[in-house]
Amino acid sequence: RGAVARLLVLGGTLRVGDVLLAGKGHGRVRQIVDSMGRDIPEAPPGTPVEIAGLDEVPDAGDRFHVVTDIDQARSVAVDRRQRARAEELASGAAANRVTLENLFDQIEDGKVSEVSLILKVDVQGSGAALRGQLEKLGTDEVRVNILHIGVGGISTGDVTLAEASNAIIIGFNVVPGAGARQLAEAQGVDIRMYRVIY
């Protein structure tokens, strides 16, 4: 069904086929389901419904509007996403994230005393070898902390863990999935992939 949103119709009537703008998402209503789980063709005012057809799930409390033109809805949704991204960058959340590029600057500024890593490898033996070598790189000033070692591709769960713990993901002979790559770009998580251990 794709993105599903629960809405409360406040005014007017929501119909299947309407073009909807809700928060940072937009789309054409493909399905309306009432509180009893039945498909209905339209929802009058005061009706709680679940709808399918948006490209992104709106945040709780976002208002939604029916608009006449899908291009207009897309334009407003893209503008809202860009503004939200700009605000996030301005808040410094992504700017304070540790990457291999800014690691030494952050160490010199005293912001980092520990480098957290998540390792994803092709086979278990590679993980053990990498762990041993990486832990030797620690110094008195900066310690290497390996949060997690896993076998297989880099997943969205790995990116979420890295984002929450301000870690760098290192992949050896593995690649990130499309969803993990997009999430890492959005959250500013550094993913490094290698095929050779020097």
N, C-alpha and C. Protein backbone atom coordinates (compact mmCIF):
# COMPACT_ATOMS: atom_id res chain seq x y z
N ARG A 1 0.81 -1.22 0.00
CA ARG A 1 0.00 0.00 0.00
C ARG A 1 0.84 1.26 0.00
N GLY A 2 2.13 1.14 0.25
CA GLY A 2 2.97 2.33 0.29
C GLY A 2 2.78 3.09 1.59
N ALA A 3 3.03 4.39 1.56
CA ALA A 3 2.86 5.23 2.75
C ALA A 3 1.38 5.31 3.11
N VAL A 4 1.07 5.06 4.38
CA VAL A 4 -0.31 5.09 4.86
C VAL A 4 -0.38 6.15 5.96
N ALA A 5 -1.41 7.01 5.88
CA ALA A 5 -1.56 8.07 6.87
C ALA A 5 -2.95 8.02 7.47
N ARG A 6 -3.04 8.30 8.76
CA ARG A 6 -4.33 8.38 9.44
C ARG A 6 -4.69 9.86 9.56
N LEU A 7 -5.86 10.21 9.05
CA LEU A 7 -6.28 11.60 9.00
C LEU A 7 -7.65 11.77 9.63
N LEU A 8 -7.91 12.97 10.10
CA LEU A 8 -9.24 13.35 10.56
C LEU A 8 -9.74 14.46 9.65
N VAL A 9 -10.81 14.18 8.93
CA VAL A 9 -11.36 15.17 8.01
C VAL A 9 -12.09 16.23 8.83
N LEU A 10 -11.65 17.48 8.73
CA LEU A 10 -12.25 18.56 9.52
C LEU A 10 -13.31 19.31 8.75
N GLY A 11 -13.05 19.59 7.48
CA GLY A 11 -14.00 20.35 6.68
C GLY A 11 -14.00 19.84 5.25
N GLY A 12 -15.15 19.86 4.60
CA GLY A 12 -15.24 19.36 3.23
C GLY A 12 -15.31 17.84 3.22
N THR A 13 -15.27 17.28 2.02
CA THR A 13 -15.36 15.84 1.85
C THR A 13 -14.13 15.35 1.10
N LEU A 14 -13.45 14.36 1.66
CA LEU A 14 -12.27 13.76 1.04
C LEU A 14 -12.72 12.59 0.19
N ARG A 15 -12.26 12.56 -1.08
CA ARG A 15 -12.69 11.51 -2.01
C ARG A 15 -11.50 10.78 -2.60
N VAL A 16 -11.71 9.52 -2.98
CA VAL A 16 -10.69 8.77 -3.71
C VAL A 16 -10.41 9.51 -5.01
N GLY A 17 -9.14 9.70 -5.33
CA GLY A 17 -8.76 10.44 -6.53
C GLY A 17 -8.36 11.88 -6.25
N ASP A 18 -8.69 12.41 -5.07
CA ASP A 18 -8.30 13.78 -4.72
C ASP A 18 -6.78 13.89 -4.63
N VAL A 19 -6.25 15.06 -5.00
CA VAL A 19 -4.82 15.35 -4.85
C VAL A 19 -4.64 15.95 -3.46
N LEU A 20 -3.74 15.35 -2.69
CA LEU A 20 -3.58 15.71 -1.28
C LEU A 20 -2.18 16.24 -1.01
N LEU A 21 -2.11 17.26 -0.18
CA LEU A 21 -0.85 17.80 0.32
C LEU A 21 -0.91 17.68 1.84
N ALA A 22 0.01 16.88 2.41
CA ALA A 22 0.00 16.65 3.86
C ALA A 22 1.43 16.73 4.39
N GLY A 23 1.73 17.81 5.11
CA GLY A 23 3.08 17.99 5.63
C GLY A 23 4.08 18.09 4.49
N LYS A 24 5.10 17.22 4.51
CA LYS A 24 6.10 17.21 3.44
C LYS A 24 5.77 16.17 2.37
N GLY A 25 4.59 15.55 2.47
CA GLY A 25 4.18 14.53 1.51
C GLY A 25 3.06 15.03 0.61
N HIS A 26 2.93 14.37 -0.55
CA HIS A 26 1.85 14.70 -1.47
C HIS A 26 1.49 13.45 -2.26
N GLY A 27 0.38 13.48 -2.93
CA GLY A 27 -0.01 12.35 -3.78
C GLY A 27 -1.50 12.37 -4.05
N ARG A 28 -1.92 11.38 -4.83
CA ARG A 28 -3.33 11.23 -5.16
C ARG A 28 -3.91 10.12 -4.27
N VAL A 29 -5.04 10.36 -3.64
CA VAL A 29 -5.66 9.39 -2.73
C VAL A 29 -6.09 8.16 -3.54
N ARG A 30 -5.46 7.01 -3.25
CA ARG A 30 -5.79 5.76 -3.95
C ARG A 30 -6.83 4.96 -3.19
N GLN A 31 -6.83 5.10 -1.87
CA GLN A 31 -7.73 4.28 -1.06
C GLN A 31 -8.09 5.03 0.22
N ILE A 32 -9.34 4.93 0.62
CA ILE A 32 -9.80 5.48 1.90
C ILE A 32 -10.41 4.33 2.69
N VAL A 33 -9.93 4.15 3.92
CA VAL A 33 -10.43 3.08 4.79
C VAL A 33 -11.00 3.73 6.04
N ASP A 34 -12.23 3.37 6.42
CA ASP A 34 -12.84 3.98 7.61
C ASP A 34 -12.36 3.28 8.88
N SER A 35 -12.87 3.71 10.04
CA SER A 35 -12.42 3.18 11.32
C SER A 35 -12.81 1.73 11.53
N MET A 36 -13.71 1.20 10.71
CA MET A 36 -14.13 -0.21 10.79
C MET A 36 -13.32 -1.09 9.84
N GLY A 37 -12.38 -0.48 9.10
CA GLY A 37 -11.57 -1.24 8.17
C GLY A 37 -12.19 -1.45 6.80
N ARG A 38 -13.27 -0.71 6.50
CA ARG A 38 -13.95 -0.87 5.21
C ARG A 38 -13.49 0.20 4.23
N ASP A 39 -13.32 -0.21 2.96
CA ASP A 39 -13.03 0.76 1.90
C ASP A 39 -14.26 1.62 1.67
N ILE A 40 -14.05 2.95 1.63
CA ILE A 40 -15.16 3.86 1.35
C ILE A 40 -14.72 4.81 0.23
N PRO A 41 -15.66 5.28 -0.59
CA PRO A 41 -15.29 6.16 -1.70
C PRO A 41 -15.04 7.60 -1.28
N GLU A 42 -15.62 8.03 -0.15
CA GLU A 42 -15.45 9.40 0.33
C GLU A 42 -15.64 9.47 1.83
N ALA A 43 -15.08 10.55 2.43
CA ALA A 43 -15.15 10.74 3.87
C ALA A 43 -15.67 12.13 4.17
N PRO A 44 -16.85 12.25 4.78
CA PRO A 44 -17.41 13.56 5.12
C PRO A 44 -16.71 14.16 6.35
N PRO A 45 -17.01 15.42 6.68
CA PRO A 45 -16.38 16.07 7.84
C PRO A 45 -16.58 15.27 9.13
N GLY A 46 -15.55 15.26 9.98
CA GLY A 46 -15.62 14.58 11.26
C GLY A 46 -15.28 13.10 11.18
N THR A 47 -14.81 12.64 10.02
CA THR A 47 -14.54 11.22 9.84
C THR A 47 -13.04 10.92 9.98
N PRO A 48 -12.69 10.00 10.89
CA PRO A 48 -11.29 9.55 10.94
C PRO A 48 -11.09 8.46 9.88
N VAL A 49 -10.04 8.60 9.08
CA VAL A 49 -9.80 7.64 8.01
C VAL A 49 -8.31 7.31 7.90
N GLU A 50 -8.06 6.24 7.18
CA GLU A 50 -6.68 5.87 6.83
C GLU A 50 -6.62 5.93 5.31
N ILE A 51 -5.62 6.63 4.78
CA ILE A 51 -5.54 6.77 3.33
C ILE A 51 -4.19 6.26 2.81
N ALA A 52 -4.20 5.81 1.56
CA ALA A 52 -2.98 5.39 0.87
C ALA A 52 -2.84 6.24 -0.38
N GLY A 53 -1.60 6.51 -0.77
CA GLY A 53 -1.36 7.28 -1.98
C GLY A 53 -0.34 8.39 -1.83
N LEU A 54 0.05 8.72 -0.59
CA LEU A 54 1.05 9.76 -0.39
C LEU A 54 2.46 9.21 -0.65
N ASP A 55 3.37 10.09 -1.03
CA ASP A 55 4.75 9.65 -1.26
C ASP A 55 5.56 9.64 0.04
N GLU A 56 5.05 10.26 1.10
CA GLU A 56 5.75 10.32 2.38
C GLU A 56 4.72 10.45 3.49
N VAL A 57 4.95 9.75 4.59
CA VAL A 57 4.02 9.82 5.73
C VAL A 57 4.18 11.16 6.42
N PRO A 58 3.09 11.90 6.63
CA PRO A 58 3.21 13.19 7.33
C PRO A 58 3.50 12.99 8.81
N ASP A 59 4.03 14.05 9.44
CA ASP A 59 4.28 14.00 10.88
C ASP A 59 2.96 14.14 11.62
N ALA A 60 2.93 13.65 12.86
CA ALA A 60 1.74 13.79 13.69
C ALA A 60 1.40 15.27 13.86
N GLY A 61 0.15 15.63 13.65
CA GLY A 61 -0.29 17.01 13.81
C GLY A 61 -0.24 17.84 12.55
N ASP A 62 0.37 17.33 11.47
CA ASP A 62 0.41 18.07 10.21
C ASP A 62 -1.01 18.23 9.66
N ARG A 63 -1.30 19.41 9.12
CA ARG A 63 -2.58 19.62 8.46
C ARG A 63 -2.48 19.14 7.03
N PHE A 64 -3.61 18.69 6.49
CA PHE A 64 -3.62 18.28 5.09
C PHE A 64 -4.66 19.08 4.33
N HIS A 65 -4.40 19.23 3.03
CA HIS A 65 -5.29 20.02 2.18
C HIS A 65 -5.48 19.30 0.85
N VAL A 66 -6.67 19.39 0.31
CA VAL A 66 -6.92 18.91 -1.04
C VAL A 66 -6.65 20.07 -1.98
N VAL A 67 -5.82 19.80 -3.01
CA VAL A 67 -5.50 20.83 -4.00
C VAL A 67 -5.94 20.34 -5.38
N THR A 68 -5.99 21.27 -6.32
CA THR A 68 -6.52 20.91 -7.64
C THR A 68 -5.49 20.29 -8.56
N ASP A 69 -4.19 20.60 -8.34
CA ASP A 69 -3.17 20.23 -9.30
C ASP A 69 -2.06 19.42 -8.63
N ILE A 70 -1.72 18.26 -9.18
CA ILE A 70 -0.66 17.42 -8.62
C ILE A 70 0.69 18.11 -8.69
N ASP A 71 0.93 18.91 -9.74
CA ASP A 71 2.21 19.63 -9.86
C ASP A 71 2.35 20.69 -8.78
N GLN A 72 1.24 21.35 -8.46
CA GLN A 72 1.24 22.34 -7.38
C GLN A 72 1.57 21.66 -6.05
N ALA A 73 0.95 20.51 -5.80
CA ALA A 73 1.20 19.77 -4.56
C ALA A 73 2.65 19.34 -4.47
N ARG A 74 3.19 18.84 -5.58
CA ARG A 74 4.59 18.40 -5.61
C ARG A 74 5.53 19.56 -5.32
N SER A 75 5.25 20.71 -5.93
CA SER A 75 6.10 21.89 -5.75
C SER A 75 6.12 22.33 -4.28
N VAL A 76 4.97 22.38 -3.65
CA VAL A 76 4.90 22.80 -2.24
C VAL A 76 5.59 21.77 -1.35
N ALA A 77 5.39 20.48 -1.62
CA ALA A 77 6.01 19.43 -0.81
C ALA A 77 7.53 19.48 -0.91
N VAL A 78 8.05 19.68 -2.12
CA VAL A 78 9.51 19.77 -2.31
C VAL A 78 10.05 20.99 -1.57
N ASP A 79 9.34 22.11 -1.65
CA ASP A 79 9.76 23.33 -0.95
C ASP A 79 9.81 23.10 0.56
N ARG A 80 8.80 22.41 1.10
CA ARG A 80 8.77 22.13 2.53
C ARG A 80 9.92 21.22 2.95
N ARG A 81 10.23 20.23 2.11
CA ARG A 81 11.35 19.33 2.42
C ARG A 81 12.67 20.07 2.43
N GLN A 82 12.85 20.97 1.45
CA GLN A 82 14.10 21.73 1.37
C GLN A 82 14.25 22.66 2.58
N ARG A 83 13.14 23.27 2.99
CA ARG A 83 13.20 24.15 4.16
C ARG A 83 13.53 23.36 5.42
N ALA A 84 12.91 22.19 5.56
CA ALA A 84 13.17 21.34 6.74
C ALA A 84 14.63 20.90 6.76
N ARG A 85 15.17 20.55 5.60
CA ARG A 85 16.58 20.13 5.51
C ARG A 85 17.51 21.30 5.86
N ALA A 86 17.18 22.50 5.36
CA ALA A 86 18.00 23.68 5.66
C ALA A 86 17.98 23.99 7.15
N GLU A 87 16.82 23.86 7.79
CA GLU A 87 16.73 24.10 9.23
C GLU A 87 17.55 23.09 10.01
N GLU A 88 17.52 21.83 9.55
CA GLU A 88 18.28 20.78 10.21
C GLU A 88 19.78 21.06 10.11
N LEU A 89 20.23 21.48 8.93
CA LEU A 89 21.64 21.81 8.76
C LEU A 89 22.03 23.03 9.57
N ALA A 90 21.12 24.01 9.62
CA ALA A 90 21.40 25.24 10.38
C ALA A 90 21.50 24.95 11.87
N SER A 91 20.75 23.95 12.34
CA SER A 91 20.78 23.63 13.77
C SER A 91 22.11 23.00 14.17
N GLY A 92 22.88 22.55 13.17
CA GLY A 92 24.21 22.02 13.46
C GLY A 92 24.23 20.54 13.76
N ALA A 93 23.10 19.84 13.64
CA ALA A 93 23.06 18.41 13.94
C ALA A 93 24.01 17.66 13.03
N ALA A 94 23.95 17.94 11.74
CA ALA A 94 24.83 17.25 10.79
C ALA A 94 26.25 17.81 10.87
N ALA A 95 26.39 19.09 11.21
CA ALA A 95 27.72 19.72 11.24
C ALA A 95 28.59 19.13 12.34
N ASN A 96 27.97 18.68 13.44
CA ASN A 96 28.73 18.12 14.56
C ASN A 96 29.00 16.64 14.41
N ARG A 97 28.53 16.02 13.35
CA ARG A 97 28.72 14.60 13.14
C ARG A 97 30.17 14.32 12.77
N VAL A 98 30.71 13.25 13.33
CA VAL A 98 32.10 12.88 13.06
C VAL A 98 32.19 12.19 11.70
N THR A 99 33.12 12.66 10.87
CA THR A 99 33.45 12.01 9.60
C THR A 99 34.97 11.89 9.55
N LEU A 100 35.45 11.07 8.64
CA LEU A 100 36.91 10.95 8.52
C LEU A 100 37.55 12.26 8.11
N GLU A 101 36.81 13.11 7.37
CA GLU A 101 37.35 14.40 6.95
C GLU A 101 37.54 15.36 8.13
N ASN A 102 36.55 15.40 9.04
CA ASN A 102 36.65 16.38 10.13
C ASN A 102 37.15 15.79 11.44
N LEU A 103 37.52 14.50 11.42
CA LEU A 103 37.91 13.81 12.65
C LEU A 103 39.08 14.50 13.35
N PHE A 104 40.16 14.80 12.60
CA PHE A 104 41.35 15.39 13.23
C PHE A 104 41.07 16.79 13.76
N ASP A 105 40.23 17.55 13.04
CA ASP A 105 39.87 18.89 13.53
C ASP A 105 39.11 18.78 14.85
N GLN A 106 38.19 17.83 14.93
CA GLN A 106 37.40 17.68 16.15
C GLN A 106 38.26 17.17 17.31
N ILE A 107 39.25 16.33 17.00
CA ILE A 107 40.16 15.87 18.05
C ILE A 107 40.97 17.05 18.59
N GLU A 108 41.50 17.89 17.67
CA GLU A 108 42.30 19.04 18.09
C GLU A 108 41.48 20.04 18.90
N ASP A 109 40.19 20.19 18.54
CA ASP A 109 39.32 21.11 19.28
C ASP A 109 38.87 20.53 20.61
N GLY A 110 39.21 19.27 20.86
CA GLY A 110 38.82 18.62 22.11
C GLY A 110 37.39 18.13 22.13
N LYS A 111 36.74 18.10 20.98
CA LYS A 111 35.35 17.66 20.91
C LYS A 111 35.24 16.14 20.90
N VAL A 112 36.32 15.46 20.51
CA VAL A 112 36.28 14.01 20.37
C VAL A 112 37.41 13.38 21.17
N SER A 113 37.05 12.43 22.05
CA SER A 113 38.07 11.68 22.78
C SER A 113 37.92 10.19 22.48
N GLU A 114 36.92 9.88 21.66
CA GLU A 114 36.64 8.49 21.31
C GLU A 114 36.07 8.45 19.89
N VAL A 115 36.58 7.54 19.07
CA VAL A 115 36.07 7.36 17.71
C VAL A 115 35.23 6.09 17.70
N SER A 116 33.94 6.22 17.50
CA SER A 116 33.04 5.07 17.47
C SER A 116 32.91 4.55 16.05
N LEU A 117 33.02 3.24 15.90
CA LEU A 117 32.95 2.61 14.58
C LEU A 117 31.93 1.48 14.58
N ILE A 118 31.30 1.30 13.42
CA ILE A 118 30.46 0.14 13.17
C ILE A 118 31.08 -0.57 11.97
N LEU A 119 31.42 -1.84 12.14
CA LEU A 119 32.07 -2.62 11.08
C LEU A 119 31.08 -3.59 10.46
N LYS A 120 30.99 -3.57 9.13
CA LYS A 120 30.21 -4.58 8.40
C LYS A 120 31.16 -5.26 7.44
N VAL A 121 31.22 -6.58 7.49
CA VAL A 121 32.22 -7.34 6.73
C VAL A 121 31.55 -8.47 5.96
N ASP A 122 32.34 -9.05 5.02
CA ASP A 122 31.81 -10.14 4.20
C ASP A 122 31.81 -11.48 4.94
N VAL A 123 32.84 -11.73 5.75
CA VAL A 123 32.92 -12.98 6.52
C VAL A 123 33.40 -12.68 7.93
N GLN A 124 33.10 -13.58 8.86
CA GLN A 124 33.42 -13.36 10.27
C GLN A 124 34.92 -13.16 10.50
N GLY A 125 35.76 -13.89 9.76
CA GLY A 125 37.21 -13.78 9.93
C GLY A 125 37.72 -12.38 9.65
N SER A 126 37.14 -11.72 8.64
CA SER A 126 37.53 -10.34 8.32
C SER A 126 37.22 -9.42 9.49
N GLY A 127 36.09 -9.64 10.13
CA GLY A 127 35.69 -8.80 11.26
C GLY A 127 36.66 -8.89 12.41
N ALA A 128 37.10 -10.11 12.72
CA ALA A 128 38.05 -10.30 13.82
C ALA A 128 39.38 -9.63 13.49
N ALA A 129 39.86 -9.79 12.24
CA ALA A 129 41.13 -9.19 11.85
C ALA A 129 41.06 -7.66 11.90
N LEU A 130 39.98 -7.10 11.38
CA LEU A 130 39.83 -5.64 11.38
C LEU A 130 39.71 -5.10 12.79
N ARG A 131 38.98 -5.79 13.62
CA ARG A 131 38.82 -5.32 15.01
C ARG A 131 40.19 -5.22 15.68
N GLY A 132 40.99 -6.26 15.54
CA GLY A 132 42.31 -6.26 16.16
C GLY A 132 43.18 -5.11 15.68
N GLN A 133 43.18 -4.85 14.38
CA GLN A 133 44.01 -3.79 13.83
C GLN A 133 43.49 -2.40 14.21
N LEU A 134 42.18 -2.22 14.16
CA LEU A 134 41.61 -0.90 14.45
C LEU A 134 41.79 -0.52 15.92
N GLU A 135 41.65 -1.49 16.82
CA GLU A 135 41.79 -1.18 18.23
C GLU A 135 43.22 -0.78 18.58
N LYS A 136 44.20 -1.25 17.78
CA LYS A 136 45.61 -0.88 18.01
C LYS A 136 45.87 0.59 17.65
N LEU A 137 44.96 1.19 16.86
CA LEU A 137 45.16 2.58 16.42
C LEU A 137 44.87 3.60 17.51
N GLY A 138 44.22 3.18 18.58
CA GLY A 138 43.88 4.09 19.67
C GLY A 138 45.12 4.65 20.34
N THR A 139 45.01 5.85 20.89
CA THR A 139 46.11 6.49 21.61
C THR A 139 45.63 6.88 23.00
N ASP A 140 46.50 7.53 23.77
CA ASP A 140 46.10 7.99 25.10
C ASP A 140 45.02 9.07 25.01
N GLU A 141 45.09 9.88 23.94
CA GLU A 141 44.14 10.99 23.79
C GLU A 141 42.81 10.53 23.18
N VAL A 142 42.89 9.60 22.22
CA VAL A 142 41.69 9.18 21.49
C VAL A 142 41.62 7.66 21.45
N ARG A 143 40.49 7.14 21.90
CA ARG A 143 40.29 5.70 21.94
C ARG A 143 39.39 5.27 20.79
N VAL A 144 39.66 4.11 20.18
CA VAL A 144 38.81 3.54 19.14
C VAL A 144 37.79 2.63 19.83
N ASN A 145 36.51 2.90 19.61
CA ASN A 145 35.43 2.12 20.22
C ASN A 145 34.61 1.45 19.12
N ILE A 146 34.68 0.14 19.04
CA ILE A 146 33.92 -0.59 18.02
C ILE A 146 32.58 -0.98 18.64
N LEU A 147 31.52 -0.33 18.17
CA LEU A 147 30.19 -0.54 18.73
C LEU A 147 29.56 -1.85 18.29
N HIS A 148 29.81 -2.21 17.02
CA HIS A 148 29.12 -3.38 16.47
C HIS A 148 29.91 -3.92 15.29
N ILE A 149 29.99 -5.26 15.20
CA ILE A 149 30.55 -5.92 14.03
C ILE A 149 29.50 -6.88 13.51
N GLY A 150 29.21 -6.78 12.22
CA GLY A 150 28.21 -7.66 11.62
C GLY A 150 28.66 -8.15 10.26
N VAL A 151 28.09 -9.30 9.87
CA VAL A 151 28.38 -9.87 8.56
C VAL A 151 27.21 -9.55 7.65
N GLY A 152 27.50 -9.05 6.43
CA GLY A 152 26.45 -8.74 5.46
C GLY A 152 26.46 -7.27 5.09
N GLY A 153 25.55 -6.91 4.19
CA GLY A 153 25.48 -5.55 3.69
C GLY A 153 25.12 -4.54 4.77
N ILE A 154 25.40 -3.28 4.48
CA ILE A 154 25.10 -2.18 5.41
C ILE A 154 23.61 -1.87 5.30
N SER A 155 22.91 -1.94 6.43
CA SER A 155 21.45 -1.78 6.45
C SER A 155 21.04 -0.44 7.04
N THR A 156 19.74 -0.14 6.95
CA THR A 156 19.23 1.08 7.57
C THR A 156 19.38 1.04 9.08
N GLY A 157 19.33 -0.16 9.66
CA GLY A 157 19.54 -0.31 11.11
C GLY A 157 20.94 0.11 11.51
N ASP A 158 21.94 -0.24 10.68
CA ASP A 158 23.31 0.18 10.94
C ASP A 158 23.42 1.70 10.90
N VAL A 159 22.76 2.32 9.91
CA VAL A 159 22.80 3.78 9.76
C VAL A 159 22.13 4.45 10.96
N THR A 160 21.01 3.89 11.40
CA THR A 160 20.30 4.45 12.55
C THR A 160 21.17 4.38 13.81
N LEU A 161 21.85 3.23 14.00
CA LEU A 161 22.76 3.09 15.15
C LEU A 161 23.90 4.10 15.06
N ALA A 162 24.46 4.26 13.86
CA ALA A 162 25.56 5.22 13.68
C ALA A 162 25.09 6.64 13.94
N GLU A 163 23.89 6.97 13.49
CA GLU A 163 23.35 8.31 13.69
C GLU A 163 23.14 8.59 15.18
N ALA A 164 22.62 7.60 15.89
CA ALA A 164 22.33 7.78 17.32
C ALA A 164 23.60 7.87 18.15
N SER A 165 24.66 7.18 17.72
CA SER A 165 25.89 7.13 18.52
C SER A 165 27.03 7.95 17.94
N ASN A 166 26.75 8.71 16.86
CA ASN A 166 27.75 9.55 16.21
C ASN A 166 28.96 8.70 15.79
N ALA A 167 28.67 7.60 15.09
CA ALA A 167 29.71 6.66 14.68
C ALA A 167 29.94 6.73 13.17
N ILE A 168 31.08 6.18 12.75
CA ILE A 168 31.41 6.04 11.34
C ILE A 168 31.21 4.57 10.98
N ILE A 169 30.60 4.30 9.84
CA ILE A 169 30.40 2.93 9.38
C ILE A 169 31.53 2.57 8.41
N ILE A 170 32.17 1.44 8.68
CA ILE A 170 33.21 0.93 7.78
C ILE A 170 32.74 -0.40 7.22
N GLY A 171 32.68 -0.48 5.89
CA GLY A 171 32.28 -1.70 5.22
C GLY A 171 33.47 -2.32 4.52
N PHE A 172 33.67 -3.63 4.72
CA PHE A 172 34.77 -4.32 4.05
C PHE A 172 34.18 -5.41 3.15
N ASN A 173 34.35 -5.23 1.85
CA ASN A 173 33.81 -6.15 0.84
C ASN A 173 32.29 -6.26 0.90
N VAL A 174 31.62 -5.21 1.36
CA VAL A 174 30.16 -5.15 1.38
C VAL A 174 29.72 -3.78 0.85
N VAL A 175 28.45 -3.66 0.51
CA VAL A 175 27.92 -2.38 0.03
C VAL A 175 26.64 -2.05 0.81
N PRO A 176 26.30 -0.76 0.89
CA PRO A 176 25.03 -0.40 1.54
C PRO A 176 23.87 -0.59 0.58
N GLY A 177 22.71 -0.95 1.12
CA GLY A 177 21.50 -1.01 0.32
C GLY A 177 21.08 0.41 -0.06
N ALA A 178 20.17 0.51 -1.05
CA ALA A 178 19.72 1.83 -1.51
C ALA A 178 19.09 2.63 -0.38
N GLY A 179 18.28 1.98 0.44
CA GLY A 179 17.63 2.68 1.56
C GLY A 179 18.64 3.17 2.58
N ALA A 180 19.66 2.33 2.85
CA ALA A 180 20.70 2.72 3.82
C ALA A 180 21.51 3.89 3.29
N ARG A 181 21.81 3.88 1.99
CA ARG A 181 22.59 4.97 1.38
C ARG A 181 21.82 6.28 1.47
N GLN A 182 20.53 6.24 1.15
CA GLN A 182 19.71 7.46 1.20
C GLN A 182 19.59 7.98 2.62
N LEU A 183 19.38 7.07 3.58
CA LEU A 183 19.25 7.48 4.97
C LEU A 183 20.55 8.09 5.48
N ALA A 184 21.69 7.49 5.09
CA ALA A 184 22.98 8.02 5.51
C ALA A 184 23.21 9.42 4.97
N GLU A 185 22.83 9.64 3.71
CA GLU A 185 22.98 10.99 3.14
C GLU A 185 22.09 11.99 3.88
N ALA A 186 20.86 11.57 4.18
CA ALA A 186 19.92 12.47 4.85
C ALA A 186 20.39 12.80 6.27
N GLN A 187 20.96 11.80 6.97
CA GLN A 187 21.36 12.01 8.37
C GLN A 187 22.80 12.47 8.52
N GLY A 188 23.57 12.51 7.42
CA GLY A 188 24.96 12.95 7.50
C GLY A 188 25.89 11.91 8.10
N VAL A 189 25.54 10.62 7.97
CA VAL A 189 26.37 9.54 8.51
C VAL A 189 27.44 9.17 7.49
N ASP A 190 28.69 9.06 7.94
CA ASP A 190 29.82 8.74 7.08
C ASP A 190 29.93 7.23 6.90
N ILE A 191 29.85 6.77 5.64
CA ILE A 191 30.04 5.35 5.31
C ILE A 191 31.30 5.24 4.46
N ARG A 192 32.23 4.39 4.88
CA ARG A 192 33.45 4.15 4.11
C ARG A 192 33.51 2.68 3.74
N MET A 193 33.80 2.40 2.47
CA MET A 193 33.87 1.02 2.00
C MET A 193 35.27 0.72 1.49
N TYR A 194 35.77 -0.44 1.89
CA TYR A 194 37.12 -0.86 1.51
C TYR A 194 37.10 -2.31 1.04
N ARG A 195 38.08 -2.63 0.20
CA ARG A 195 38.21 -4.00 -0.29
C ARG A 195 39.57 -4.61 0.05
N VAL A 196 40.52 -3.78 0.47
CA VAL A 196 41.86 -4.25 0.78
C VAL A 196 42.26 -3.74 2.16
N ILE A 197 42.87 -4.62 2.96
CA ILE A 197 43.43 -4.20 4.25
C ILE A 197 44.92 -4.00 4.03
N TYR A 198 45.41 -2.77 4.24
CA TYR A 198 46.83 -2.50 4.05
C TYR A 198 47.59 -2.75 5.35
